[in-house]
Full PDB file with SEQRES, HELIX, SHEET, SSBOND, CRYST1, ORIGX, SCALE, CONECT and MASTER records, all heavy atoms in Angstrom:
SEQRES   1 A   39  PRO ARG ARG ASP ASP ASP LYS ILE LEU THR LEU ILE GLY          
SEQRES   2 A   39  GLN ILE PRO GLN CYS SER PRO GLY GLY PRO VAL PHE THR          
SEQRES   3 A   39  ALA GLY LEU LEU ASN GLU VAL GLY LEU LEU TYR ARG GLU          
HELIX    1 AA1 ASP A    5  GLY A   13  1                                   9    
SHEET    1 AA1 2 LEU A  29  LEU A  30  0                                        
SHEET    2 AA1 2 LEU A  36  ARG A  38 -1                                        
CRYST1    1.000    1.000    1.000  90.00  90.00  90.00 P 1           1          
ORIGX1      1.000000  0.000000  0.000000        0.00000                         
ORIGX2      0.000000  1.000000  0.000000        0.00000                         
ORIGX3      0.000000  0.000000  1.000000        0.00000                         
SCALE1      1.000000  0.000000  0.000000        0.00000                         
SCALE2      0.000000  1.000000  0.000000        0.00000                         
SCALE3      0.000000  0.000000  1.000000        0.00000                         
ATOM      1  N   PRO A   1     -47.410 -25.614 -68.611  1.00  0.00           N  
ATOM      2  CA  PRO A   1     -47.499 -25.831 -70.071  1.00  0.00           C  
ATOM      3  C   PRO A   1     -48.531 -26.886 -70.440  1.00  0.00           C  
ATOM      4  O   PRO A   1     -48.935 -27.667 -69.569  1.00  0.00           O  
ATOM      5  CB  PRO A   1     -46.108 -26.299 -70.446  1.00  0.00           C  
ATOM      6  CG  PRO A   1     -45.499 -26.811 -69.197  1.00  0.00           C  
ATOM      7  CD  PRO A   1     -46.160 -26.092 -68.059  1.00  0.00           C  
ATOM      8  N   ARG A   2     -48.938 -26.870 -71.669  1.00  0.00           N  
ATOM      9  CA  ARG A   2     -49.828 -27.914 -72.183  1.00  0.00           C  
ATOM     10  C   ARG A   2     -49.114 -29.270 -72.147  1.00  0.00           C  
ATOM     11  O   ARG A   2     -47.886 -29.316 -72.238  1.00  0.00           O  
ATOM     12  CB  ARG A   2     -50.222 -27.623 -73.635  1.00  0.00           C  
ATOM     13  CG  ARG A   2     -51.129 -26.418 -73.829  1.00  0.00           C  
ATOM     14  CD  ARG A   2     -51.504 -26.252 -75.287  1.00  0.00           C  
ATOM     15  NE  ARG A   2     -52.087 -27.474 -75.807  1.00  0.00           N  
ATOM     16  CZ  ARG A   2     -53.393 -27.803 -75.716  1.00  0.00           C  
ATOM     17  NH1 ARG A   2     -54.230 -26.988 -75.100  1.00  0.00           N  
ATOM     18  NH2 ARG A   2     -53.831 -28.923 -76.197  1.00  0.00           N  
ATOM     19  N   ARG A   3     -49.905 -30.315 -72.075  1.00  0.00           N  
ATOM     20  CA  ARG A   3     -49.297 -31.663 -72.102  1.00  0.00           C  
ATOM     21  C   ARG A   3     -48.606 -31.940 -73.419  1.00  0.00           C  
ATOM     22  O   ARG A   3     -47.645 -32.700 -73.474  1.00  0.00           O  
ATOM     23  CB  ARG A   3     -50.407 -32.722 -71.841  1.00  0.00           C  
ATOM     24  CG  ARG A   3     -50.879 -32.696 -70.409  1.00  0.00           C  
ATOM     25  CD  ARG A   3     -51.879 -33.855 -70.168  1.00  0.00           C  
ATOM     26  NE  ARG A   3     -53.070 -33.758 -71.002  1.00  0.00           N  
ATOM     27  CZ  ARG A   3     -54.184 -33.146 -70.626  1.00  0.00           C  
ATOM     28  NH1 ARG A   3     -54.271 -32.631 -69.435  1.00  0.00           N  
ATOM     29  NH2 ARG A   3     -55.220 -33.120 -71.430  1.00  0.00           N  
ATOM     30  N   ASP A   4     -49.059 -31.318 -74.494  1.00  0.00           N  
ATOM     31  CA  ASP A   4     -48.477 -31.545 -75.816  1.00  0.00           C  
ATOM     32  C   ASP A   4     -47.514 -30.426 -76.237  1.00  0.00           C  
ATOM     33  O   ASP A   4     -47.308 -30.206 -77.429  1.00  0.00           O  
ATOM     34  CB  ASP A   4     -49.561 -31.755 -76.837  1.00  0.00           C  
ATOM     35  CG  ASP A   4     -50.506 -30.571 -77.006  1.00  0.00           C  
ATOM     36  OD1 ASP A   4     -50.393 -29.607 -76.186  1.00  0.00           O  
ATOM     37  OD2 ASP A   4     -51.337 -30.582 -77.916  1.00  0.00           O  
ATOM     38  N   ASP A   5     -46.937 -29.738 -75.258  1.00  0.00           N  
ATOM     39  CA  ASP A   5     -46.057 -28.616 -75.587  1.00  0.00           C  
ATOM     40  C   ASP A   5     -44.869 -29.000 -76.440  1.00  0.00           C  
ATOM     41  O   ASP A   5     -44.443 -28.241 -77.265  1.00  0.00           O  
ATOM     42  CB  ASP A   5     -45.572 -27.906 -74.300  1.00  0.00           C  
ATOM     43  CG  ASP A   5     -44.842 -26.618 -74.593  1.00  0.00           C  
ATOM     44  OD1 ASP A   5     -45.464 -25.726 -75.215  1.00  0.00           O  
ATOM     45  OD2 ASP A   5     -43.669 -26.515 -74.233  1.00  0.00           O  
ATOM     46  N   ASP A   6     -44.357 -30.233 -76.279  1.00  0.00           N  
ATOM     47  CA  ASP A   6     -43.256 -30.689 -77.103  1.00  0.00           C  
ATOM     48  C   ASP A   6     -43.641 -30.693 -78.581  1.00  0.00           C  
ATOM     49  O   ASP A   6     -42.829 -30.309 -79.450  1.00  0.00           O  
ATOM     50  CB  ASP A   6     -42.719 -32.030 -76.649  1.00  0.00           C  
ATOM     51  CG  ASP A   6     -43.817 -33.100 -76.668  1.00  0.00           C  
ATOM     52  OD1 ASP A   6     -45.000 -32.799 -76.501  1.00  0.00           O  
ATOM     53  OD2 ASP A   6     -43.441 -34.288 -76.860  1.00  0.00           O  
ATOM     54  N   LYS A   7     -44.858 -31.068 -78.890  1.00  0.00           N  
ATOM     55  CA  LYS A   7     -45.356 -31.049 -80.309  1.00  0.00           C  
ATOM     56  C   LYS A   7     -45.481 -29.605 -80.810  1.00  0.00           C  
ATOM     57  O   LYS A   7     -45.203 -29.327 -81.970  1.00  0.00           O  
ATOM     58  CB  LYS A   7     -46.665 -31.769 -80.416  1.00  0.00           C  
ATOM     59  CG  LYS A   7     -46.568 -33.255 -80.120  1.00  0.00           C  
ATOM     60  CD  LYS A   7     -47.889 -33.933 -80.186  1.00  0.00           C  
ATOM     61  CE  LYS A   7     -47.750 -35.406 -79.800  1.00  0.00           C  
ATOM     62  NZ  LYS A   7     -49.018 -36.076 -79.660  1.00  0.00           N  
ATOM     63  N   ILE A   8     -45.923 -28.725 -79.930  1.00  0.00           N  
ATOM     64  CA  ILE A   8     -46.047 -27.323 -80.314  1.00  0.00           C  
ATOM     65  C   ILE A   8     -44.660 -26.699 -80.599  1.00  0.00           C  
ATOM     66  O   ILE A   8     -44.488 -25.986 -81.560  1.00  0.00           O  
ATOM     67  CB  ILE A   8     -46.799 -26.522 -79.230  1.00  0.00           C  
ATOM     68  CG1 ILE A   8     -48.251 -26.998 -79.175  1.00  0.00           C  
ATOM     69  CG2 ILE A   8     -46.719 -25.032 -79.473  1.00  0.00           C  
ATOM     70  CD1 ILE A   8     -49.044 -26.515 -78.011  1.00  0.00           C  
ATOM     71  N   LEU A   9     -43.670 -27.042 -79.800  1.00  0.00           N  
ATOM     72  CA  LEU A   9     -42.318 -26.555 -80.054  1.00  0.00           C  
ATOM     73  C   LEU A   9     -41.782 -27.054 -81.362  1.00  0.00           C  
ATOM     74  O   LEU A   9     -41.122 -26.327 -82.095  1.00  0.00           O  
ATOM     75  CB  LEU A   9     -41.377 -26.978 -78.915  1.00  0.00           C  
ATOM     76  CG  LEU A   9     -41.478 -26.114 -77.641  1.00  0.00           C  
ATOM     77  CD1 LEU A   9     -40.574 -26.675 -76.575  1.00  0.00           C  
ATOM     78  CD2 LEU A   9     -41.115 -24.699 -77.912  1.00  0.00           C  
ATOM     79  N   THR A  10     -42.093 -28.313 -81.723  1.00  0.00           N  
ATOM     80  CA  THR A  10     -41.674 -28.843 -83.018  1.00  0.00           C  
ATOM     81  C   THR A  10     -42.357 -28.091 -84.140  1.00  0.00           C  
ATOM     82  O   THR A  10     -41.715 -27.717 -85.122  1.00  0.00           O  
ATOM     83  CB  THR A  10     -42.042 -30.338 -83.104  1.00  0.00           C  
ATOM     84  OG1 THR A  10     -41.341 -31.043 -82.062  1.00  0.00           O  
ATOM     85  CG2 THR A  10     -41.670 -30.925 -84.431  1.00  0.00           C  
ATOM     86  N   LEU A  11     -43.628 -27.805 -83.980  1.00  0.00           N  
ATOM     87  CA  LEU A  11     -44.404 -27.068 -84.975  1.00  0.00           C  
ATOM     88  C   LEU A  11     -43.801 -25.655 -85.182  1.00  0.00           C  
ATOM     89  O   LEU A  11     -43.591 -25.212 -86.297  1.00  0.00           O  
ATOM     90  CB  LEU A  11     -45.845 -26.949 -84.511  1.00  0.00           C  
ATOM     91  CG  LEU A  11     -46.832 -26.236 -85.400  1.00  0.00           C  
ATOM     92  CD1 LEU A  11     -48.071 -27.077 -85.487  1.00  0.00           C  
ATOM     93  CD2 LEU A  11     -47.164 -24.890 -84.841  1.00  0.00           C  
ATOM     94  N   ILE A  12     -43.465 -24.972 -84.073  1.00  0.00           N  
ATOM     95  CA  ILE A  12     -42.888 -23.664 -84.137  1.00  0.00           C  
ATOM     96  C   ILE A  12     -41.490 -23.726 -84.782  1.00  0.00           C  
ATOM     97  O   ILE A  12     -41.140 -22.872 -85.615  1.00  0.00           O  
ATOM     98  CB  ILE A  12     -42.780 -23.020 -82.725  1.00  0.00           C  
ATOM     99  CG1 ILE A  12     -44.205 -22.746 -82.199  1.00  0.00           C  
ATOM    100  CG2 ILE A  12     -41.963 -21.735 -82.754  1.00  0.00           C  
ATOM    101  CD1 ILE A  12     -44.258 -22.366 -80.735  1.00  0.00           C  
ATOM    102  N   GLY A  13     -40.738 -24.766 -84.487  1.00  0.00           N  
ATOM    103  CA  GLY A  13     -39.398 -24.917 -85.040  1.00  0.00           C  
ATOM    104  C   GLY A  13     -39.391 -25.155 -86.525  1.00  0.00           C  
ATOM    105  O   GLY A  13     -38.360 -24.934 -87.188  1.00  0.00           O  
ATOM    106  N   GLN A  14     -40.500 -25.570 -87.095  1.00  0.00           N  
ATOM    107  CA  GLN A  14     -40.579 -25.813 -88.542  1.00  0.00           C  
ATOM    108  C   GLN A  14     -40.914 -24.579 -89.347  1.00  0.00           C  
ATOM    109  O   GLN A  14     -40.912 -24.609 -90.583  1.00  0.00           O  
ATOM    110  CB  GLN A  14     -41.619 -26.906 -88.811  1.00  0.00           C  
ATOM    111  CG  GLN A  14     -41.243 -28.258 -88.238  1.00  0.00           C  
ATOM    112  CD  GLN A  14     -42.395 -29.245 -88.319  1.00  0.00           C  
ATOM    113  OE1 GLN A  14     -43.556 -28.896 -88.546  1.00  0.00           O  
ATOM    114  NE2 GLN A  14     -42.042 -30.493 -88.132  1.00  0.00           N  
ATOM    115  N   ILE A  15     -41.211 -23.496 -88.690  1.00  0.00           N  
ATOM    116  CA  ILE A  15     -41.563 -22.252 -89.392  1.00  0.00           C  
ATOM    117  C   ILE A  15     -40.268 -21.597 -89.905  1.00  0.00           C  
ATOM    118  O   ILE A  15     -39.369 -21.320 -89.146  1.00  0.00           O  
ATOM    119  CB  ILE A  15     -42.326 -21.271 -88.449  1.00  0.00           C  
ATOM    120  CG1 ILE A  15     -43.635 -21.930 -88.023  1.00  0.00           C  
ATOM    121  CG2 ILE A  15     -42.557 -19.940 -89.138  1.00  0.00           C  
ATOM    122  CD1 ILE A  15     -44.387 -21.151 -86.973  1.00  0.00           C  
ATOM    123  N   PRO A  16     -40.207 -21.332 -91.222  1.00  0.00           N  
ATOM    124  CA  PRO A  16     -39.020 -20.661 -91.744  1.00  0.00           C  
ATOM    125  C   PRO A  16     -38.898 -19.250 -91.172  1.00  0.00           C  
ATOM    126  O   PRO A  16     -39.875 -18.527 -91.008  1.00  0.00           O  
ATOM    127  CB  PRO A  16     -39.311 -20.564 -93.263  1.00  0.00           C  
ATOM    128  CG  PRO A  16     -40.446 -21.499 -93.511  1.00  0.00           C  
ATOM    129  CD  PRO A  16     -41.189 -21.677 -92.248  1.00  0.00           C  
ATOM    130  N   GLN A  17     -37.683 -18.913 -90.815  1.00  0.00           N  
ATOM    131  CA  GLN A  17     -37.428 -17.603 -90.214  1.00  0.00           C  
ATOM    132  C   GLN A  17     -37.384 -16.527 -91.291  1.00  0.00           C  
ATOM    133  O   GLN A  17     -36.773 -16.680 -92.335  1.00  0.00           O  
ATOM    134  CB  GLN A  17     -36.110 -17.618 -89.458  1.00  0.00           C  
ATOM    135  CG  GLN A  17     -35.900 -16.419 -88.600  1.00  0.00           C  
ATOM    136  CD  GLN A  17     -34.712 -16.608 -87.654  1.00  0.00           C  
ATOM    137  OE1 GLN A  17     -33.944 -17.507 -87.794  1.00  0.00           O  
ATOM    138  NE2 GLN A  17     -34.613 -15.721 -86.692  1.00  0.00           N  
ATOM    139  N   CYS A  18     -38.007 -15.415 -90.978  1.00  0.00           N  
ATOM    140  CA  CYS A  18     -37.996 -14.267 -91.880  1.00  0.00           C  
ATOM    141  C   CYS A  18     -36.785 -13.383 -91.555  1.00  0.00           C  
ATOM    142  O   CYS A  18     -36.251 -13.446 -90.471  1.00  0.00           O  
ATOM    143  CB  CYS A  18     -39.251 -13.411 -91.718  1.00  0.00           C  
ATOM    144  SG  CYS A  18     -40.687 -14.152 -92.494  1.00  0.00           S  
ATOM    145  N   SER A  19     -36.434 -12.594 -92.518  1.00  0.00           N  
ATOM    146  CA  SER A  19     -35.325 -11.647 -92.247  1.00  0.00           C  
ATOM    147  C   SER A  19     -35.851 -10.547 -91.330  1.00  0.00           C  
ATOM    148  O   SER A  19     -37.019 -10.180 -91.373  1.00  0.00           O  
ATOM    149  CB  SER A  19     -34.819 -11.061 -93.566  1.00  0.00           C  
ATOM    150  OG  SER A  19     -35.897 -10.429 -94.242  1.00  0.00           O  
ATOM    151  N   PRO A  20     -34.998 -10.019 -90.461  1.00  0.00           N  
ATOM    152  CA  PRO A  20     -35.430  -8.981 -89.529  1.00  0.00           C  
ATOM    153  C   PRO A  20     -35.799  -7.698 -90.283  1.00  0.00           C  
ATOM    154  O   PRO A  20     -35.396  -7.484 -91.425  1.00  0.00           O  
ATOM    155  CB  PRO A  20     -34.205  -8.772 -88.650  1.00  0.00           C  
ATOM    156  CG  PRO A  20     -33.040  -9.351 -89.383  1.00  0.00           C  
ATOM    157  CD  PRO A  20     -33.596 -10.368 -90.326  1.00  0.00           C  
ATOM    158  N   GLY A  21     -36.578  -6.869 -89.648  1.00  0.00           N  
ATOM    159  CA  GLY A  21     -36.917  -5.609 -90.241  1.00  0.00           C  
ATOM    160  C   GLY A  21     -38.411  -5.414 -90.419  1.00  0.00           C  
ATOM    161  O   GLY A  21     -38.847  -4.272 -90.573  1.00  0.00           O  
ATOM    162  N   GLY A  22     -39.163  -6.504 -90.395  1.00  0.00           N  
ATOM    163  CA  GLY A  22     -40.607  -6.380 -90.575  1.00  0.00           C  
ATOM    164  C   GLY A  22     -41.295  -6.097 -89.284  1.00  0.00           C  
ATOM    165  O   GLY A  22     -40.669  -6.033 -88.211  1.00  0.00           O  
ATOM    166  N   PRO A  23     -42.646  -5.990 -89.286  1.00  0.00           N  
ATOM    167  CA  PRO A  23     -43.380  -5.812 -88.051  1.00  0.00           C  
ATOM    168  C   PRO A  23     -43.250  -7.046 -87.180  1.00  0.00           C  
ATOM    169  O   PRO A  23     -43.075  -8.163 -87.647  1.00  0.00           O  
ATOM    170  CB  PRO A  23     -44.804  -5.588 -88.529  1.00  0.00           C  
ATOM    171  CG  PRO A  23     -44.894  -6.195 -89.870  1.00  0.00           C  
ATOM    172  CD  PRO A  23     -43.484  -6.064 -90.460  1.00  0.00           C  
ATOM    173  N   VAL A  24     -43.355  -6.849 -85.870  1.00  0.00           N  
ATOM    174  CA  VAL A  24     -43.298  -7.962 -84.934  1.00  0.00           C  
ATOM    175  C   VAL A  24     -44.706  -8.227 -84.365  1.00  0.00           C  
ATOM    176  O   VAL A  24     -45.379  -7.291 -83.941  1.00  0.00           O  
ATOM    177  CB  VAL A  24     -42.323  -7.622 -83.748  1.00  0.00           C  
ATOM    178  CG1 VAL A  24     -42.346  -8.757 -82.720  1.00  0.00           C  
ATOM    179  CG2 VAL A  24     -40.931  -7.406 -84.299  1.00  0.00           C  
ATOM    180  N   PHE A  25     -45.118  -9.494 -84.398  1.00  0.00           N  
ATOM    181  CA  PHE A  25     -46.399  -9.905 -83.877  1.00  0.00           C  
ATOM    182  C   PHE A  25     -46.127 -10.828 -82.689  1.00  0.00           C  
ATOM    183  O   PHE A  25     -45.191 -11.649 -82.763  1.00  0.00           O  
ATOM    184  CB  PHE A  25     -47.194 -10.671 -84.937  1.00  0.00           C  
ATOM    185  CG  PHE A  25     -47.418  -9.889 -86.180  1.00  0.00           C  
ATOM    186  CD1 PHE A  25     -46.599 -10.096 -87.272  1.00  0.00           C  
ATOM    187  CD2 PHE A  25     -48.453  -8.976 -86.281  1.00  0.00           C  
ATOM    188  CE1 PHE A  25     -46.822  -9.379 -88.466  1.00  0.00           C  
ATOM    189  CE2 PHE A  25     -48.659  -8.254 -87.434  1.00  0.00           C  
ATOM    190  CZ  PHE A  25     -47.835  -8.448 -88.534  1.00  0.00           C  
ATOM    191  N   THR A  26     -46.915 -10.726 -81.626  1.00  0.00           N  
ATOM    192  CA  THR A  26     -46.776 -11.605 -80.489  1.00  0.00           C  
ATOM    193  C   THR A  26     -48.028 -12.460 -80.393  1.00  0.00           C  
ATOM    194  O   THR A  26     -49.143 -11.950 -80.243  1.00  0.00           O  
ATOM    195  CB  THR A  26     -46.582 -10.828 -79.186  1.00  0.00           C  
ATOM    196  OG1 THR A  26     -45.453  -9.986 -79.334  1.00  0.00           O  
ATOM    197  CG2 THR A  26     -46.365 -11.743 -78.005  1.00  0.00           C  
ATOM    198  N   ALA A  27     -47.831 -13.768 -80.481  1.00  0.00           N  
ATOM    199  CA  ALA A  27     -48.937 -14.718 -80.361  1.00  0.00           C  
ATOM    200  C   ALA A  27     -48.899 -15.377 -78.995  1.00  0.00           C  
ATOM    201  O   ALA A  27     -47.785 -15.596 -78.446  1.00  0.00           O  
ATOM    202  CB  ALA A  27     -48.854 -15.796 -81.446  1.00  0.00           C  
ATOM    203  N   GLY A  28     -50.034 -15.692 -78.436  1.00  0.00           N  
ATOM    204  CA  GLY A  28     -50.106 -16.376 -77.182  1.00  0.00           C  
ATOM    205  C   GLY A  28     -50.795 -17.727 -77.364  1.00  0.00           C  
ATOM    206  O   GLY A  28     -51.645 -17.884 -78.223  1.00  0.00           O  
ATOM    207  N   LEU A  29     -50.412 -18.674 -76.514  1.00  0.00           N  
ATOM    208  CA  LEU A  29     -51.033 -20.008 -76.514  1.00  0.00           C  
ATOM    209  C   LEU A  29     -51.601 -20.272 -75.103  1.00  0.00           C  
ATOM    210  O   LEU A  29     -50.928 -20.013 -74.106  1.00  0.00           O  
ATOM    211  CB  LEU A  29     -49.999 -21.083 -76.859  1.00  0.00           C  
ATOM    212  CG  LEU A  29     -49.410 -20.999 -78.252  1.00  0.00           C  
ATOM    213  CD1 LEU A  29     -48.280 -21.983 -78.396  1.00  0.00           C  
ATOM    214  CD2 LEU A  29     -50.471 -21.251 -79.302  1.00  0.00           C  
ATOM    215  N   LEU A  30     -52.807 -20.779 -75.085  1.00  0.00           N  
ATOM    216  CA  LEU A  30     -53.476 -21.116 -73.855  1.00  0.00           C  
ATOM    217  C   LEU A  30     -53.296 -22.584 -73.529  1.00  0.00           C  
ATOM    218  O   LEU A  30     -53.308 -23.429 -74.426  1.00  0.00           O  
ATOM    219  CB  LEU A  30     -54.930 -20.777 -73.873  1.00  0.00           C  
ATOM    220  CG  LEU A  30     -55.322 -19.314 -74.233  1.00  0.00           C  
ATOM    221  CD1 LEU A  30     -56.829 -19.154 -74.145  1.00  0.00           C  
ATOM    222  CD2 LEU A  30     -54.600 -18.329 -73.343  1.00  0.00           C  
ATOM    223  N   ASN A  31     -53.144 -22.938 -72.232  1.00  0.00           N  
ATOM    224  CA  ASN A  31     -53.057 -24.356 -71.856  1.00  0.00           C  
ATOM    225  C   ASN A  31     -54.472 -24.936 -71.757  1.00  0.00           C  
ATOM    226  O   ASN A  31     -55.480 -24.247 -72.063  1.00  0.00           O  
ATOM    227  CB  ASN A  31     -52.254 -24.511 -70.563  1.00  0.00           C  
ATOM    228  CG  ASN A  31     -52.885 -23.805 -69.384  1.00  0.00           C  
ATOM    229  OD1 ASN A  31     -54.043 -23.415 -69.394  1.00  0.00           O  
ATOM    230  ND2 ASN A  31     -52.083 -23.634 -68.336  1.00  0.00           N  
ATOM    231  N   GLU A  32     -54.583 -26.150 -71.270  1.00  0.00           N  
ATOM    232  CA  GLU A  32     -55.861 -26.856 -71.218  1.00  0.00           C  
ATOM    233  C   GLU A  32     -56.866 -26.178 -70.268  1.00  0.00           C  
ATOM    234  O   GLU A  32     -58.085 -26.380 -70.410  1.00  0.00           O  
ATOM    235  CB  GLU A  32     -55.669 -28.306 -70.774  1.00  0.00           C  
ATOM    236  CG  GLU A  32     -54.994 -29.176 -71.807  1.00  0.00           C  
ATOM    237  CD  GLU A  32     -53.467 -29.198 -71.699  1.00  0.00           C  
ATOM    238  OE1 GLU A  32     -52.899 -28.397 -70.935  1.00  0.00           O  
ATOM    239  OE2 GLU A  32     -52.840 -29.968 -72.411  1.00  0.00           O  
ATOM    240  N   VAL A  33     -56.414 -25.410 -69.309  1.00  0.00           N  
ATOM    241  CA  VAL A  33     -57.358 -24.731 -68.380  1.00  0.00           C  
ATOM    242  C   VAL A  33     -57.570 -23.267 -68.763  1.00  0.00           C  
ATOM    243  O   VAL A  33     -58.187 -22.524 -68.007  1.00  0.00           O  
ATOM    244  CB  VAL A  33     -56.887 -24.853 -66.914  1.00  0.00           C  
ATOM    245  CG1 VAL A  33     -56.907 -26.310 -66.469  1.00  0.00           C  
ATOM    246  CG2 VAL A  33     -55.521 -24.250 -66.693  1.00  0.00           C  
ATOM    247  N   GLY A  34     -57.056 -22.841 -69.919  1.00  0.00           N  
ATOM    248  CA  GLY A  34     -57.358 -21.488 -70.408  1.00  0.00           C  
ATOM    249  C   GLY A  34     -56.396 -20.423 -69.957  1.00  0.00           C  
ATOM    250  O   GLY A  34     -56.691 -19.239 -70.131  1.00  0.00           O  
ATOM    251  N   LEU A  35     -55.263 -20.812 -69.391  1.00  0.00           N  
ATOM    252  CA  LEU A  35     -54.252 -19.808 -68.985  1.00  0.00           C  
ATOM    253  C   LEU A  35     -53.196 -19.632 -70.049  1.00  0.00           C  
ATOM    254  O   LEU A  35     -52.780 -20.584 -70.676  1.00  0.00           O  
ATOM    255  CB  LEU A  35     -53.569 -20.287 -67.686  1.00  0.00           C  
ATOM    256  CG  LEU A  35     -54.456 -20.434 -66.464  1.00  0.00           C  
ATOM    257  CD1 LEU A  35     -53.697 -21.051 -65.327  1.00  0.00           C  
ATOM    258  CD2 LEU A  35     -55.091 -19.110 -66.058  1.00  0.00           C  
ATOM    259  N   LEU A  36     -52.777 -18.393 -70.237  1.00  0.00           N  
ATOM    260  CA  LEU A  36     -51.707 -18.100 -71.182  1.00  0.00           C  
ATOM    261  C   LEU A  36     -50.421 -18.734 -70.664  1.00  0.00           C  
ATOM    262  O   LEU A  36     -49.966 -18.416 -69.536  1.00  0.00           O  
ATOM    263  CB  LEU A  36     -51.537 -16.615 -71.331  1.00  0.00           C  
ATOM    264  CG  LEU A  36     -50.463 -16.147 -72.281  1.00  0.00           C  
ATOM    265  CD1 LEU A  36     -50.882 -16.393 -73.727  1.00  0.00           C  
ATOM    266  CD2 LEU A  36     -50.131 -14.684 -72.083  1.00  0.00           C  
ATOM    267  N   TYR A  37     -49.841 -19.664 -71.410  1.00  0.00           N  
ATOM    268  CA  TYR A  37     -48.630 -20.366 -70.924  1.00  0.00           C  
ATOM    269  C   TYR A  37     -47.399 -20.167 -71.819  1.00  0.00           C  
ATOM    270  O   TYR A  37     -46.285 -20.393 -71.398  1.00  0.00           O  
ATOM    271  CB  TYR A  37     -48.929 -21.842 -70.738  1.00  0.00           C  
ATOM    272  CG  TYR A  37     -48.707 -22.677 -71.968  1.00  0.00           C  
ATOM    273  CD1 TYR A  37     -47.479 -23.298 -72.208  1.00  0.00           C  
ATOM    274  CD2 TYR A  37     -49.688 -22.804 -72.916  1.00  0.00           C  
ATOM    275  CE1 TYR A  37     -47.245 -24.012 -73.348  1.00  0.00           C  
ATOM    276  CE2 TYR A  37     -49.492 -23.538 -74.066  1.00  0.00           C  
ATOM    277  CZ  TYR A  37     -48.267 -24.123 -74.260  1.00  0.00           C  
ATOM    278  OH  TYR A  37     -48.059 -24.870 -75.418  1.00  0.00           O  
ATOM    279  N   ARG A  38     -47.594 -19.797 -73.090  1.00  0.00           N  
ATOM    280  CA  ARG A  38     -46.486 -19.668 -73.998  1.00  0.00           C  
ATOM    281  C   ARG A  38     -46.709 -18.463 -74.897  1.00  0.00           C  
ATOM    282  O   ARG A  38     -47.829 -18.179 -75.309  1.00  0.00           O  
ATOM    283  CB  ARG A  38     -46.274 -20.904 -74.865  1.00  0.00           C  
ATOM    284  CG  ARG A  38     -45.166 -20.751 -75.901  1.00  0.00           C  
ATOM    285  CD  ARG A  38     -44.827 -22.045 -76.628  1.00  0.00           C  
ATOM    286  NE  ARG A  38     -44.258 -23.053 -75.785  1.00  0.00           N  
ATOM    287  CZ  ARG A  38     -42.993 -23.024 -75.347  1.00  0.00           C  
ATOM    288  NH1 ARG A  38     -42.184 -22.048 -75.657  1.00  0.00           N  
ATOM    289  NH2 ARG A  38     -42.529 -24.023 -74.588  1.00  0.00           N  
ATOM    290  N   GLU A  39     -45.636 -17.755 -75.191  1.00  0.00           N  
ATOM    291  CA  GLU A  39     -45.692 -16.610 -76.115  1.00  0.00           C  
ATOM    292  C   GLU A  39     -44.694 -16.880 -77.255  1.00  0.00           C  
ATOM    293  O   GLU A  39     -43.677 -17.502 -77.049  1.00  0.00           O  
ATOM    294  CB  GLU A  39     -45.358 -15.315 -75.387  1.00  0.00           C  
ATOM    295  CG  GLU A  39     -46.389 -14.976 -74.333  1.00  0.00           C  
ATOM    296  CD  GLU A  39     -46.044 -13.718 -73.555  1.00  0.00           C  
ATOM    297  OE1 GLU A  39     -44.907 -13.588 -73.044  1.00  0.00           O  
ATOM    298  OE2 GLU A  39     -46.969 -12.880 -73.430  1.00  0.00           O  
TER     299      GLU A  39                                                      
MASTER        0    0    0    1    2    0    0    6  298    1    0    3          
END                                                                             
Protein backbone atom coordinates (compact mmCIF):
# COMPACT_ATOMS: atom_id res chain seq x y z
CA PRO A 1 0.00 0.00 0.00
CA ARG A 2 0.88 3.67 -0.28
CA ARG A 3 2.48 5.26 2.76
CA ASP A 4 -0.54 7.57 3.04
CA ASP A 5 -3.16 4.82 2.64
CA ASP A 6 -4.75 5.73 5.99
CA LYS A 7 -5.54 9.20 4.58
CA ILE A 8 -6.98 7.65 1.44
CA LEU A 9 -9.24 5.39 3.52
CA THR A 10 -10.47 8.45 5.43
CA LEU A 11 -11.17 10.21 2.12
CA ILE A 12 -13.10 7.19 0.81
CA GLY A 13 -15.02 6.93 4.09
CA GLN A 14 -16.29 10.50 3.69
CA ILE A 15 -18.06 9.76 0.41
CA PRO A 16 -21.83 9.57 0.90
CA GLN A 17 -23.18 6.17 -0.06
CA CYS A 18 -25.62 5.96 -2.95
CA SER A 19 -28.61 3.73 -2.97
CA PRO A 20 -28.03 0.41 -4.76
CA GLY A 21 -29.31 -0.11 -8.25
CA GLY A 22 -27.13 2.18 -10.32
CA PRO A 23 -24.16 1.29 -12.48
CA VAL A 24 -21.04 0.03 -10.71
CA PHE A 25 -17.67 1.63 -11.42
CA THR A 26 -14.35 0.18 -10.27
CA ALA A 27 -11.54 2.62 -9.55
CA GLY A 28 -7.94 1.64 -9.00
CA LEU A 29 -5.21 3.39 -7.02
CA LEU A 30 -1.52 3.07 -7.76
CA ASN A 31 1.16 3.07 -5.07
CA GLU A 32 4.38 5.11 -5.20
CA VAL A 33 6.07 2.63 -7.57
CA GLY A 34 3.13 2.50 -9.99
CA LEU A 35 1.56 -0.80 -8.94
CA LEU A 36 -2.17 -1.19 -8.51
CA TYR A 37 -2.62 -1.62 -4.75
CA ARG A 38 -6.23 -0.67 -3.92
CA GLU A 39 -9.57 -1.01 -5.67
